[in-house]
C-alpha atoms as a PDB file:
ATOM      1  CA  MET A   1     -24.663-198.144-126.189  1.00  0.00           C
ATOM      2  CA  ALA A   2     -21.523-200.595-126.853  1.00  0.00           C
ATOM      3  CA  ASN A   3     -22.644-203.641-124.903  1.00  0.00           C
ATOM      4  CA  PRO A   4     -26.494-203.321-123.830  1.00  0.00           C
ATOM      5  CA  ALA A   5     -28.257-205.634-121.576  1.00  0.00           C
ATOM      6  CA  ALA A   6     -30.766-205.944-118.951  1.00  0.00           C
ATOM      7  CA  PHE A   7     -31.986-207.279-115.642  1.00  0.00           C
ATOM      8  CA  ARG A   8     -34.377-208.181-113.054  1.00  0.00           C
ATOM      9  CA  ALA A   9     -32.870-209.091-109.387  1.00  0.00           C
ATOM     10  CA  ILE A  10     -34.868-210.079-106.734  1.00  0.00           C
ATOM     11  CA  ILE A  11     -32.627-209.311-103.295  1.00  0.00           C
ATOM     12  CA  HIS A  12     -33.552-211.402-100.102  1.00  0.00           C
ATOM     13  CA  GLY A  13     -32.798-210.681 -96.519  1.00  0.00           C
ATOM     14  CA  HIS A  14     -33.242-207.361 -94.133  1.00  0.00           C
ATOM     15  CA  VAL A  15     -33.762-205.167 -97.238  1.00  0.00           C
ATOM     16  CA  GLN A  16     -36.901-202.904 -96.738  1.00  0.00           C
ATOM     17  CA  GLY A  17     -36.914-199.648 -94.062  1.00  0.00           C
ATOM     18  CA  VAL A  18     -32.928-199.923 -94.193  1.00  0.00           C
ATOM     19  CA  PHE A  19     -32.854-197.517 -97.267  1.00  0.00           C
ATOM     20  CA  PHE A  20     -32.056-199.598 -99.790  1.00  0.00           C
ATOM     21  CA  ARG A  21     -33.873-198.345-102.216  1.00  0.00           C
ATOM     22  CA  ALA A  22     -32.989-194.920-101.654  1.00  0.00           C
ATOM     23  CA  VAL A  23     -29.262-195.953-102.362  1.00  0.00           C
ATOM     24  CA  VAL A  24     -30.060-198.185-105.268  1.00  0.00           C
ATOM     25  CA  PHE A  25     -31.648-195.448-106.942  1.00  0.00           C
ATOM     26  CA  GLU A  26     -28.691-193.482-106.408  1.00  0.00           C
ATOM     27  CA  ARG A  27     -26.079-195.394-107.606  1.00  0.00           C
ATOM     28  CA  ALA A  28     -28.125-196.618-110.659  1.00  0.00           C
ATOM     29  CA  ASN A  29     -28.588-193.055-111.409  1.00  0.00           C
ATOM     30  CA  GLU A  30     -25.055-191.778-110.900  1.00  0.00           C
ATOM     31  CA  LEU A  31     -24.010-194.864-113.300  1.00  0.00           C
ATOM     32  CA  GLY A  32     -26.681-193.457-116.352  1.00  0.00           C
ATOM     33  CA  LEU A  33     -29.502-196.366-116.088  1.00  0.00           C
ATOM     34  CA  THR A  34     -32.863-196.767-116.710  1.00  0.00           C
ATOM     35  CA  GLY A  35     -35.182-198.698-114.711  1.00  0.00           C
ATOM     36  CA  TYR A  36     -36.933-199.022-111.171  1.00  0.00           C
ATOM     37  CA  VAL A  37     -36.481-200.101-107.863  1.00  0.00           C
ATOM     38  CA  ARG A  38     -39.255-201.147-105.481  1.00  0.00           C
ATOM     39  CA  ASN A  39     -40.452-203.003-102.434  1.00  0.00           C
ATOM     40  CA  LEU A  40     -42.154-206.345-103.015  1.00  0.00           C
ATOM     41  CA  PRO A  41     -45.447-207.427-100.805  1.00  0.00           C
ATOM     42  CA  SER A  42     -43.470-210.131 -98.562  1.00  0.00           C
ATOM     43  CA  GLY A  43     -41.408-207.379 -96.352  1.00  0.00           C
ATOM     44  CA  ARG A  44     -37.964-209.526 -97.164  1.00  0.00           C
ATOM     45  CA  GLU A  45     -37.498-208.745-100.775  1.00  0.00           C
ATOM     46  CA  VAL A  46     -36.610-205.927-103.335  1.00  0.00           C
ATOM     47  CA  GLU A  47     -37.037-205.664-107.039  1.00  0.00           C
ATOM     48  CA  VAL A  48     -35.010-203.808-109.811  1.00  0.00           C
ATOM     49  CA  ARG A  49     -35.425-203.782-112.946  1.00  0.00           C
ATOM     50  CA  ALA A  50     -32.310-202.279-115.215  1.00  0.00           C
ATOM     51  CA  GLU A  51     -31.343-201.379-118.290  1.00  0.00           C
ATOM     52  CA  GLY A  52     -28.494-199.614-119.607  1.00  0.00           C
ATOM     53  CA  GLU A  53     -24.513-200.881-120.723  1.00  0.00           C
ATOM     54  CA  ARG A  54     -23.849-204.240-119.311  1.00  0.00           C
ATOM     55  CA  GLU A  55     -20.450-203.581-117.402  1.00  0.00           C
ATOM     56  CA  LEU A  56     -22.839-200.648-115.473  1.00  0.00           C
ATOM     57  CA  LEU A  57     -25.547-203.033-114.456  1.00  0.00           C
ATOM     58  CA  GLU A  58     -23.084-205.431-113.182  1.00  0.00           C
ATOM     59  CA  LYS A  59     -21.626-202.653-110.941  1.00  0.00           C
ATOM     60  CA  LEU A  60     -24.909-202.279-109.948  1.00  0.00           C
ATOM     61  CA  ILE A  61     -25.329-206.006-108.994  1.00  0.00           C
ATOM     62  CA  GLU A  62     -22.150-206.206-106.964  1.00  0.00           C
ATOM     63  CA  LEU A  63     -23.661-202.584-104.959  1.00  0.00           C
ATOM     64  CA  VAL A  64     -27.049-204.557-104.167  1.00  0.00           C
ATOM     65  CA  LYS A  65     -25.005-208.287-103.338  1.00  0.00           C
ATOM     66  CA  VAL A  66     -24.193-205.508 -99.844  1.00  0.00           C
ATOM     67  CA  GLY A  67     -26.318-202.937 -99.729  1.00  0.00           C
ATOM     68  CA  PRO A  68     -26.733-200.127 -97.590  1.00  0.00           C
ATOM     69  CA  PRO A  69     -25.152-200.532 -93.578  1.00  0.00           C
ATOM     70  CA  LEU A  70     -27.932-201.563 -92.280  1.00  0.00           C
ATOM     71  CA  ALA A  71     -29.258-203.857 -94.505  1.00  0.00           C
ATOM     72  CA  ARG A  72     -28.501-207.891 -94.699  1.00  0.00           C
ATOM     73  CA  VAL A  73     -28.429-209.199 -98.349  1.00  0.00           C
ATOM     74  CA  ASP A  74     -29.180-213.459 -97.529  1.00  0.00           C
ATOM     75  CA  HIS A  75     -29.586-214.275-101.287  1.00  0.00           C
ATOM     76  CA  ILE A  76     -29.952-212.671-105.143  1.00  0.00           C
ATOM     77  CA  SER A  77     -31.347-213.938-107.850  1.00  0.00           C
ATOM     78  CA  VAL A  78     -30.708-212.376-110.860  1.00  0.00           C
ATOM     79  CA  LYS A  79     -31.922-212.824-114.798  1.00  0.00           C
ATOM     80  CA  TRP A  80     -30.847-211.080-117.351  1.00  0.00           C
ATOM     81  CA  SER A  81     -32.157-210.471-120.969  1.00  0.00           C
ATOM     82  CA  ASN A  82     -31.916-207.943-123.756  1.00  0.00           C
ATOM     83  CA  CYS A  83     -31.936-204.121-123.766  1.00  0.00           C
ATOM     84  CA  LYS A  84     -35.714-203.116-124.457  1.00  0.00           C
ATOM     85  CA  GLY A  85     -35.510-199.815-124.041  1.00  0.00           C
ATOM     86  CA  GLU A  86     -38.680-199.760-121.617  1.00  0.00           C
ATOM     87  CA  PHE A  87     -37.727-196.798-119.016  1.00  0.00           C
ATOM     88  CA  HIS A  88     -36.533-193.617-119.737  1.00  0.00           C
ATOM     89  CA  ARG A  89     -34.891-192.828-116.397  1.00  0.00           C
ATOM     90  CA  PHE A  90     -34.741-194.381-112.794  1.00  0.00           C
ATOM     91  CA  THR A  91     -37.078-194.357-110.497  1.00  0.00           C
ATOM     92  CA  VAL A  92     -37.991-196.048-106.738  1.00  0.00           C
ATOM     93  CA  ARG A  93     -41.749-197.593-106.968  1.00  0.00           C
ATOM     94  CA  ASP A  94     -44.220-198.370-104.261  1.00  0.00           C
END
């Protein structure tokens, strides 16, 4: 990896029950990223943790800013960090 990085993003809004996790999962796998996406207990937030090339991670962030057609993203907070190689693939967590 030329420019490895990682991020943790919390997406706030109408993001549960609208195939948000499925879309993030599909796109992250297309981009060759590792990590996970999961719903948070609040019912109005989704967490994404991802590792990979920074440019590809930025593409994923652009996707989650919008989400799938039925979603409404009110706010997204992203915290960047160093890539630690924690994940071997991208998954959907419960």
